[in-house]
Amino acid sequence: MKSQRMNSVFGLALLVTISLVGAVLLVPAGDALAGKASRKLEGTWLVQVTIQNCQTGDDLKTFPALLTFAQGGTLTETTTGFTPAARTPGHGFWRFADGAYSASSEAFLFGPDGTYIGRQTIGQAIEFGSDPDAFSSTASITIVDPGGNTVMTGCATAVASRMK
C-alpha cells in the first residue's frame, strides 16, 4: 500500500513538476549575467506548461505556472499542477551564457499524510523569438526519493508571456 501511494504521489509530482523547462545546467548563475541580455529575462512570467511523453512527444497535460527571474540570477516558481500541500514552490537560478538562457530549480515533495517523500529538479532551456515579452522553453525533470535515488524522469514544453 505504501509503495502504491508513493508511486501515485510521484506520478502526480511528475505531471506537475515538469512545469518548467531542457537539460539541467548546474553551474553558478552569477558568472554570465551581464548587460541587456540578462535583463531581458528578468521579471515575472505567466507560463503555460505542457507535460509530454518523452519518447513520442505526445501532450499529456497542460496547466499554468508563474516564474519569477530576479536580477542576479535567482528563480522562484509556483505551479497549479498540484496542491500546495504536496509540493513547495521551486527555488533556483537562471543564467545567460554563450547566447542562451538556462534555468534550474528544485522543490520538496510530500505525501498525502504530510511526510517528506523527495524532491524534484527541473532544468530549462529558454528561447526568445522576436517578441521580448514572450518565450518558449523545453524542460527535463528528475524526481528523487529522500535517499537521493532517481525515482522518475520526464519532459515538458512551455510558452510564457511577461506579466505587465
Protein backbone atom coordinates (compact mmCIF):
# COMPACT_ATOMS: atom_id res chain seq x y z
CA MET A 1 0.00 0.00 0.00
CA LYS A 2 2.80 2.40 0.92
CA SER A 3 4.59 1.62 -2.37
CA GLN A 4 1.38 2.22 -4.33
CA ARG A 5 0.84 5.54 -2.53
CA MET A 6 4.45 6.57 -3.23
CA ASN A 7 4.05 5.67 -6.92
CA SER A 8 0.85 7.69 -7.23
CA VAL A 9 2.39 10.68 -5.45
CA PHE A 10 5.49 10.51 -7.64
CA GLY A 11 3.27 10.19 -10.73
CA LEU A 12 1.34 13.28 -9.70
CA ALA A 13 4.60 15.04 -8.90
CA LEU A 14 5.90 14.25 -12.37
CA LEU A 15 2.84 15.73 -14.07
CA VAL A 16 3.08 18.89 -12.03
CA THR A 17 6.74 19.43 -11.51
CA ILE A 18 7.77 19.19 -15.11
CA SER A 19 6.20 22.59 -15.18
CA LEU A 20 9.31 24.27 -16.20
CA VAL A 21 11.58 23.82 -18.93
CA GLY A 22 15.53 21.26 -21.29
CA ALA A 23 18.69 19.97 -19.90
CA VAL A 24 19.80 20.79 -16.38
CA LEU A 25 22.86 23.01 -16.36
CA LEU A 26 24.10 23.12 -12.78
CA VAL A 27 26.57 25.97 -12.97
CA PRO A 28 26.84 29.16 -10.93
CA ALA A 29 24.41 31.80 -12.09
CA GLY A 30 26.43 34.93 -11.43
CA ASP A 31 29.31 34.28 -13.81
CA ALA A 32 27.48 35.23 -17.02
CA LEU A 33 24.74 37.69 -16.04
CA ALA A 34 25.50 40.99 -17.67
CA GLY A 35 24.03 43.74 -19.81
CA LYS A 36 20.80 43.83 -21.75
CA ALA A 37 20.70 40.08 -22.37
CA SER A 38 20.29 39.20 -18.70
CA ARG A 39 17.68 41.95 -18.13
CA LYS A 40 15.59 40.51 -20.97
CA LEU A 41 14.51 37.55 -18.80
CA GLU A 42 14.14 39.43 -15.51
CA GLY A 43 10.57 39.75 -14.27
CA THR A 44 7.53 37.59 -13.65
CA TRP A 45 6.07 35.42 -16.38
CA LEU A 46 2.75 33.61 -16.78
CA VAL A 47 3.69 30.21 -18.20
CA GLN A 48 1.50 27.61 -19.89
CA VAL A 49 3.20 24.24 -19.26
CA THR A 50 2.55 21.12 -21.32
CA ILE A 51 3.71 17.78 -19.93
CA GLN A 52 4.80 15.45 -22.71
CA ASN A 53 5.63 11.82 -23.26
CA CYS A 54 9.43 11.97 -23.64
CA GLN A 55 9.50 9.18 -26.24
CA THR A 56 6.63 10.23 -28.51
CA GLY A 57 6.29 13.95 -27.82
CA ASP A 58 2.54 13.48 -27.25
CA ASP A 59 0.95 16.10 -24.98
CA LEU A 60 -0.33 14.66 -21.68
CA LYS A 61 -1.48 17.60 -19.55
CA THR A 62 -1.43 21.43 -19.66
CA PHE A 63 -1.57 23.88 -16.74
CA PRO A 64 -0.39 27.40 -15.77
CA ALA A 65 2.58 28.32 -13.61
CA LEU A 66 4.37 31.51 -12.56
CA LEU A 67 8.12 32.05 -12.93
CA THR A 68 10.00 34.98 -11.44
CA PHE A 69 13.54 35.61 -12.70
CA ALA A 70 15.28 38.09 -10.39
CA GLN A 71 18.26 40.32 -11.05
CA GLY A 72 21.43 38.49 -10.06
CA GLY A 73 20.22 35.11 -11.30
CA THR A 74 17.72 33.70 -8.80
CA LEU A 75 14.49 31.98 -9.81
CA THR A 76 11.22 31.28 -7.97
CA GLU A 77 8.36 29.27 -9.43
CA THR A 78 4.84 28.31 -8.42
CA THR A 79 2.58 25.88 -10.25
CA THR A 80 -1.10 24.96 -10.39
CA GLY A 81 -0.16 21.43 -11.37
CA PHE A 82 -0.98 20.10 -7.90
CA THR A 83 -1.94 21.08 -4.39
CA PRO A 84 0.47 23.24 -2.38
CA ALA A 85 0.35 20.58 0.37
CA ALA A 86 2.11 18.12 -1.98
CA ARG A 87 4.85 20.43 -3.32
CA THR A 88 6.66 23.55 -2.22
CA PRO A 89 7.38 26.42 -4.62
CA GLY A 90 10.55 25.84 -6.62
CA HIS A 91 13.72 27.83 -5.96
CA GLY A 92 16.76 28.00 -8.18
CA PHE A 93 18.84 30.03 -10.57
CA TRP A 94 18.98 31.22 -14.15
CA ARG A 95 21.82 32.29 -16.40
CA PHE A 96 22.66 33.71 -19.80
CA ALA A 97 25.82 32.21 -21.31
CA ASP A 98 27.06 31.59 -24.83
CA GLY A 99 23.98 33.35 -26.22
CA ALA A 100 21.46 31.08 -24.47
CA TYR A 101 19.27 31.15 -21.36
CA SER A 102 19.05 28.22 -18.96
CA ALA A 103 17.48 27.72 -15.55
CA SER A 104 17.31 25.10 -12.82
CA SER A 105 15.01 24.83 -9.81
CA GLU A 106 14.19 22.41 -7.01
CA ALA A 107 11.09 21.82 -4.88
CA PHE A 108 10.29 19.49 -1.97
CA LEU A 109 7.58 16.83 -2.34
CA PHE A 110 5.23 15.50 0.35
CA GLY A 111 2.86 12.54 0.58
CA PRO A 112 -0.84 12.81 1.44
CA ASP A 113 -0.02 12.40 5.14
CA GLY A 114 2.49 15.28 5.02
CA THR A 115 5.58 13.04 5.05
CA TYR A 116 8.59 14.27 3.04
CA ILE A 117 8.93 11.90 0.09
CA GLY A 118 11.63 13.54 -2.04
CA ARG A 119 12.39 16.47 -4.27
CA GLN A 120 12.20 17.42 -7.90
CA THR A 121 14.69 19.22 -10.09
CA ILE A 122 13.61 20.98 -13.26
CA GLY A 123 16.10 22.06 -15.91
CA GLN A 124 15.09 24.53 -18.59
CA ALA A 125 16.35 25.76 -21.95
CA ILE A 126 14.65 29.08 -22.73
CA GLU A 127 14.40 30.75 -26.15
CA PHE A 128 13.14 34.16 -27.23
CA GLY A 129 11.71 34.88 -30.66
CA SER A 130 11.08 38.37 -31.98
CA ASP A 131 8.76 39.34 -29.09
CA PRO A 132 10.76 40.39 -25.99
CA ASP A 133 7.68 39.75 -23.82
CA ALA A 134 7.30 36.08 -24.78
CA PHE A 135 9.48 32.98 -24.65
CA SER A 136 9.23 29.24 -25.19
CA SER A 137 11.11 26.51 -23.40
CA THR A 138 11.79 22.83 -23.10
CA ALA A 139 12.33 21.09 -19.78
CA SER A 140 13.52 17.93 -18.17
CA ILE A 141 12.66 16.81 -14.68
CA THR A 142 14.16 14.42 -12.21
CA ILE A 143 12.37 13.22 -9.08
CA VAL A 144 14.49 11.69 -6.33
CA ASP A 145 13.50 9.99 -3.08
CA PRO A 146 14.84 11.14 0.32
CA GLY A 147 17.94 8.96 -0.21
CA GLY A 148 18.77 10.73 -3.49
CA ASN A 149 17.78 7.79 -5.73
CA THR A 150 16.15 8.74 -9.02
CA VAL A 151 12.52 7.66 -8.99
CA MET A 152 11.23 9.26 -12.19
CA THR A 153 12.19 11.50 -15.10
CA GLY A 154 10.02 13.45 -17.51
CA CYS A 155 9.71 16.13 -20.23
CA ALA A 156 7.73 19.32 -20.85
CA THR A 157 7.42 22.34 -23.09
CA ALA A 158 6.13 25.78 -22.18
CA VAL A 159 5.19 29.15 -23.59
CA ALA A 160 5.36 32.27 -21.45
CA SER A 161 4.24 35.87 -21.51
CA ARG A 162 5.66 38.63 -19.35
CA MET A 163 3.30 39.95 -16.68
CA LYS A 164 2.94 43.71 -17.03
